[in-house]
Amino acid sequence: MKTISIVSQKGGVGKTTVAVHLAVSAANAGYTVALIDLDPQATAAQWADWRGTENPAVVAAPHGRLAATLAEARKSGVDLVIIDSPPAADSAAVAAAKAADLVLIPTRASAFDLHAIKTTSELVRVAQKPAYVVLNAVPPRATALIEEVATVITSLQLAIAPVCLVDRAAFRHAVINGQSAAEYEPAGKAASEVDQLYTWACGRLDMSTRPQSNSERAVA
């Protein structure tokens, strides 16, 4: 079982958007996925209610129950766990990061959001897990802005994921319907960006983008 934790001390940076899209990508690829919602606002759990399907399974839990919830997921044969952590909760963020094989730190390209990354970076260092910043809701055609933001993030000794999620209407429309961008607009740019992010994350986890079939396992 692999685990990705989505962590940021700043609210409104798109943690749940990243979490649900990665979860759906893995589920639609054929993996059994659990999304653990540690945020008391339970935004991911609300999205799951709108969605009304069992895969990805979304479980709302306090961070004190994280270890037990992860153990239950492993016992149930879950392939991938996505942990959506709450903002401004040091203990929950550290617990989520320590439980992860990969930590993603979403941020918007603004001064306030970048300032919050400093605190998040310190928490991630405590966890000592591989961590990458994911630029989210980036304005279209903002190459110069991305370069400026990358300089700030690099100065904090954090790595940057090579895929940005641009501010697109498809993301907003999709989540309201309990969907992902790929389900709402399969041929759209948002779907392509999520697919690239999912493929990259699988590479960081040393995990195939889709589960092997029985025949493929036999050949291997």
Protein backbone atom coordinates (compact mmCIF):
# COMPACT_ATOMS: atom_id res chain seq x y z
CA MET A 1 0.00 0.00 0.00
CA LYS A 2 1.32 3.43 -0.99
CA THR A 3 0.40 6.68 0.75
CA ILE A 4 0.35 10.28 -0.49
CA SER A 5 -0.26 13.09 2.00
CA ILE A 6 -1.47 16.50 0.88
CA VAL A 7 -0.16 19.06 3.38
CA SER A 8 -0.22 22.84 3.75
CA GLN A 9 -0.60 25.18 6.70
CA LYS A 10 -2.48 27.62 4.46
CA GLY A 11 -6.17 27.18 3.74
CA GLY A 12 -7.60 27.73 0.29
CA VAL A 13 -4.61 26.43 -1.66
CA GLY A 14 -6.46 23.50 -3.21
CA LYS A 15 -5.44 20.56 -1.02
CA THR A 16 -8.78 18.81 -1.47
CA THR A 17 -8.82 19.50 -5.21
CA VAL A 18 -5.43 17.81 -5.58
CA ALA A 19 -6.45 14.97 -3.26
CA VAL A 20 -9.71 14.06 -4.98
CA HIS A 21 -8.22 14.30 -8.47
CA LEU A 22 -5.32 12.00 -7.67
CA ALA A 23 -7.71 9.60 -5.93
CA VAL A 24 -10.06 9.47 -8.93
CA SER A 25 -7.16 9.05 -11.36
CA ALA A 26 -5.92 6.02 -9.45
CA ALA A 27 -9.42 4.58 -8.98
CA ASN A 28 -10.25 4.97 -12.67
CA ALA A 29 -6.94 3.29 -13.54
CA GLY A 30 -8.09 0.21 -11.60
CA TYR A 31 -6.56 0.68 -8.15
CA THR A 32 -8.49 0.38 -4.90
CA VAL A 33 -8.19 3.83 -3.34
CA ALA A 34 -8.99 5.32 0.05
CA LEU A 35 -9.05 9.06 0.66
CA ILE A 36 -8.70 9.89 4.36
CA ASP A 37 -10.16 13.31 5.17
CA LEU A 38 -8.52 14.70 8.33
CA ASP A 39 -9.99 18.18 7.89
CA PRO A 40 -12.81 18.94 10.38
CA GLN A 41 -14.57 20.79 7.56
CA ALA A 42 -14.79 17.38 5.78
CA THR A 43 -14.73 18.90 2.29
CA ALA A 44 -13.55 15.68 0.67
CA ALA A 45 -16.26 13.74 2.47
CA GLN A 46 -18.86 16.19 1.14
CA TRP A 47 -17.50 15.69 -2.37
CA ALA A 48 -17.83 11.93 -1.87
CA ASP A 49 -21.49 12.35 -0.90
CA TRP A 50 -22.08 14.23 -4.15
CA ARG A 51 -20.18 11.55 -6.06
CA GLY A 52 -22.01 8.57 -4.58
CA THR A 53 -19.52 5.84 -5.55
CA GLU A 54 -17.42 3.46 -3.44
CA ASN A 55 -14.07 3.89 -5.22
CA PRO A 56 -12.37 6.02 -4.16
CA ALA A 57 -13.67 5.41 -0.67
CA VAL A 58 -13.60 8.59 1.42
CA VAL A 59 -13.26 8.30 5.19
CA ALA A 60 -13.51 11.28 7.53
CA ALA A 61 -11.35 10.74 10.61
CA PRO A 62 -9.60 12.81 13.30
CA HIS A 63 -5.82 12.71 13.02
CA GLY A 64 -5.67 10.79 16.31
CA ARG A 65 -7.30 7.90 14.46
CA LEU A 66 -4.98 8.09 11.45
CA ALA A 67 -2.84 5.08 12.36
CA ALA A 68 -5.89 2.92 12.99
CA THR A 69 -7.54 4.10 9.77
CA LEU A 70 -4.42 3.32 7.77
CA ALA A 71 -4.21 -0.12 9.37
CA GLU A 72 -7.80 -0.81 8.39
CA ALA A 73 -7.11 0.33 4.82
CA ARG A 74 -4.13 -2.01 4.58
CA LYS A 75 -6.19 -4.88 6.01
CA SER A 76 -8.92 -4.17 3.43
CA GLY A 77 -6.48 -4.45 0.52
CA VAL A 78 -6.33 -0.78 -0.41
CA ASP A 79 -3.62 -0.05 -3.01
CA LEU A 80 -3.30 3.71 -2.57
CA VAL A 81 -4.20 6.05 0.29
CA ILE A 82 -4.50 9.79 -0.17
CA ILE A 83 -4.49 11.82 3.07
CA ASP A 84 -6.13 15.26 2.91
CA SER A 85 -4.83 17.16 5.94
CA PRO A 86 -6.35 20.26 7.58
CA PRO A 87 -4.75 23.73 7.47
CA ALA A 88 -3.18 25.35 10.53
CA ALA A 89 -2.96 22.08 12.47
CA ASP A 90 0.65 21.21 13.17
CA SER A 91 0.05 17.84 14.84
CA ALA A 92 -2.28 16.64 12.08
CA ALA A 93 0.09 17.81 9.34
CA VAL A 94 3.08 16.11 10.94
CA ALA A 95 1.10 12.89 11.46
CA ALA A 96 -0.01 12.92 7.83
CA ALA A 97 3.51 13.61 6.57
CA LYS A 98 5.07 10.89 8.73
CA ALA A 99 2.55 8.36 7.40
CA ALA A 100 3.31 9.21 3.77
CA ASP A 101 5.55 7.75 1.13
CA LEU A 102 5.18 11.05 -0.74
CA VAL A 103 4.17 14.50 0.54
CA LEU A 104 2.62 17.08 -1.81
CA ILE A 105 2.38 20.73 -0.77
CA PRO A 106 -0.13 22.63 -2.92
CA THR A 107 0.27 26.40 -3.14
CA ARG A 108 -1.07 29.28 -5.13
CA ALA A 109 1.37 31.73 -6.68
CA SER A 110 0.81 34.58 -4.19
CA ALA A 111 2.93 36.19 -1.50
CA PHE A 112 0.63 35.07 1.33
CA ASP A 113 0.61 31.45 0.17
CA LEU A 114 4.35 31.36 -0.37
CA HIS A 115 4.90 32.79 3.13
CA ALA A 116 2.86 29.90 4.57
CA ILE A 117 5.10 27.39 2.81
CA LYS A 118 7.91 28.31 5.20
CA THR A 119 5.97 26.81 8.11
CA THR A 120 4.91 23.80 6.07
CA SER A 121 8.47 23.15 4.96
CA GLU A 122 9.59 23.00 8.60
CA LEU A 123 6.88 20.44 9.40
CA VAL A 124 7.84 18.32 6.42
CA ARG A 125 11.49 18.32 7.50
CA VAL A 126 10.41 16.91 10.86
CA ALA A 127 8.70 14.04 9.04
CA GLN A 128 11.77 13.39 6.86
CA LYS A 129 9.73 12.23 3.87
CA PRO A 130 10.08 13.12 0.16
CA ALA A 131 8.11 16.33 -0.42
CA TYR A 132 7.28 18.42 -3.47
CA VAL A 133 5.44 21.70 -3.92
CA VAL A 134 2.58 21.60 -6.43
CA LEU A 135 1.68 24.95 -7.98
CA ASN A 136 -2.11 25.12 -8.12
CA ALA A 137 -4.63 27.52 -9.69
CA VAL A 138 -1.84 29.13 -11.69
CA PRO A 139 -3.00 31.92 -14.05
CA PRO A 140 -2.85 30.86 -17.72
CA ARG A 141 0.31 31.83 -19.61
CA ALA A 142 2.09 32.84 -16.41
CA THR A 143 5.56 31.59 -17.29
CA ALA A 144 7.37 34.54 -15.68
CA LEU A 145 5.30 34.20 -12.50
CA ILE A 146 6.05 30.49 -12.27
CA GLU A 147 9.77 31.20 -12.57
CA GLU A 148 9.59 33.81 -9.79
CA VAL A 149 7.67 31.44 -7.51
CA ALA A 150 10.10 28.61 -8.27
CA THR A 151 12.97 30.81 -7.09
CA VAL A 152 11.25 31.42 -3.75
CA ILE A 153 10.41 27.74 -3.26
CA THR A 154 13.93 26.64 -4.13
CA SER A 155 15.29 29.11 -1.57
CA LEU A 156 13.34 27.16 1.05
CA GLN A 157 15.15 23.99 -0.05
CA LEU A 158 11.95 22.43 -1.33
CA ALA A 159 11.54 20.58 -4.62
CA ILE A 160 8.83 21.52 -7.13
CA ALA A 161 6.64 19.06 -8.97
CA PRO A 162 7.16 19.43 -12.74
CA VAL A 163 3.40 19.73 -13.35
CA CYS A 164 1.31 22.84 -12.57
CA LEU A 165 -2.46 22.89 -12.27
CA VAL A 166 -3.77 25.96 -14.06
CA ASP A 167 -6.82 27.88 -12.83
CA ARG A 168 -9.48 26.30 -15.07
CA ALA A 169 -13.27 26.29 -14.84
CA ALA A 170 -13.32 22.51 -15.32
CA PHE A 171 -11.91 22.00 -11.83
CA ARG A 172 -14.67 24.08 -10.23
CA HIS A 173 -17.50 22.54 -12.24
CA ALA A 174 -16.24 19.00 -11.71
CA VAL A 175 -15.99 18.97 -7.93
CA ILE A 176 -19.47 20.47 -7.49
CA ASN A 177 -20.79 17.41 -9.33
CA GLY A 178 -18.66 14.94 -7.37
CA GLN A 179 -16.46 14.41 -10.41
CA SER A 180 -12.89 14.92 -11.48
CA ALA A 181 -11.90 17.24 -14.31
CA ALA A 182 -11.25 14.21 -16.53
CA GLU A 183 -14.79 12.97 -15.96
CA TYR A 184 -16.33 16.40 -16.49
CA GLU A 185 -14.29 17.30 -19.59
CA PRO A 186 -12.24 14.28 -20.72
CA ALA A 187 -10.44 16.06 -23.57
CA GLY A 188 -9.82 19.27 -21.63
CA LYS A 189 -6.54 20.80 -20.51
CA ALA A 190 -7.39 20.32 -16.82
CA ALA A 191 -7.77 16.57 -17.41
CA SER A 192 -4.39 16.49 -19.15
CA GLU A 193 -2.67 18.33 -16.29
CA VAL A 194 -4.11 15.95 -13.69
CA ASP A 195 -3.07 12.96 -15.77
CA GLN A 196 0.47 14.31 -15.93
CA LEU A 197 0.52 14.93 -12.18
CA TYR A 198 -0.80 11.44 -11.47
CA THR A 199 1.76 9.85 -13.80
CA TRP A 200 4.57 11.81 -12.18
CA ALA A 201 3.37 10.91 -8.64
CA CYS A 202 3.27 7.23 -9.58
CA GLY A 203 6.88 7.53 -10.70
CA ARG A 204 7.85 9.05 -7.34
CA LEU A 205 6.13 6.12 -5.61
CA ASP A 206 7.73 3.51 -7.88
CA MET A 207 4.19 2.47 -8.78
CA SER A 208 2.72 1.68 -12.20
CA THR A 209 0.02 4.05 -13.44
CA ARG A 210 -2.35 1.07 -13.53
CA PRO A 211 -2.38 -2.27 -11.70
CA GLN A 212 -0.94 -5.27 -13.48
CA SER A 213 -3.37 -7.87 -14.79
CA ASN A 214 -2.95 -11.51 -13.81
CA SER A 215 -1.40 -12.28 -17.21
CA GLU A 216 1.09 -9.42 -16.83
CA ARG A 217 2.05 -10.66 -13.37
CA ALA A 218 2.60 -14.15 -14.76
CA VAL A 219 4.96 -12.80 -17.44
CA ALA A 220 6.81 -10.68 -14.90
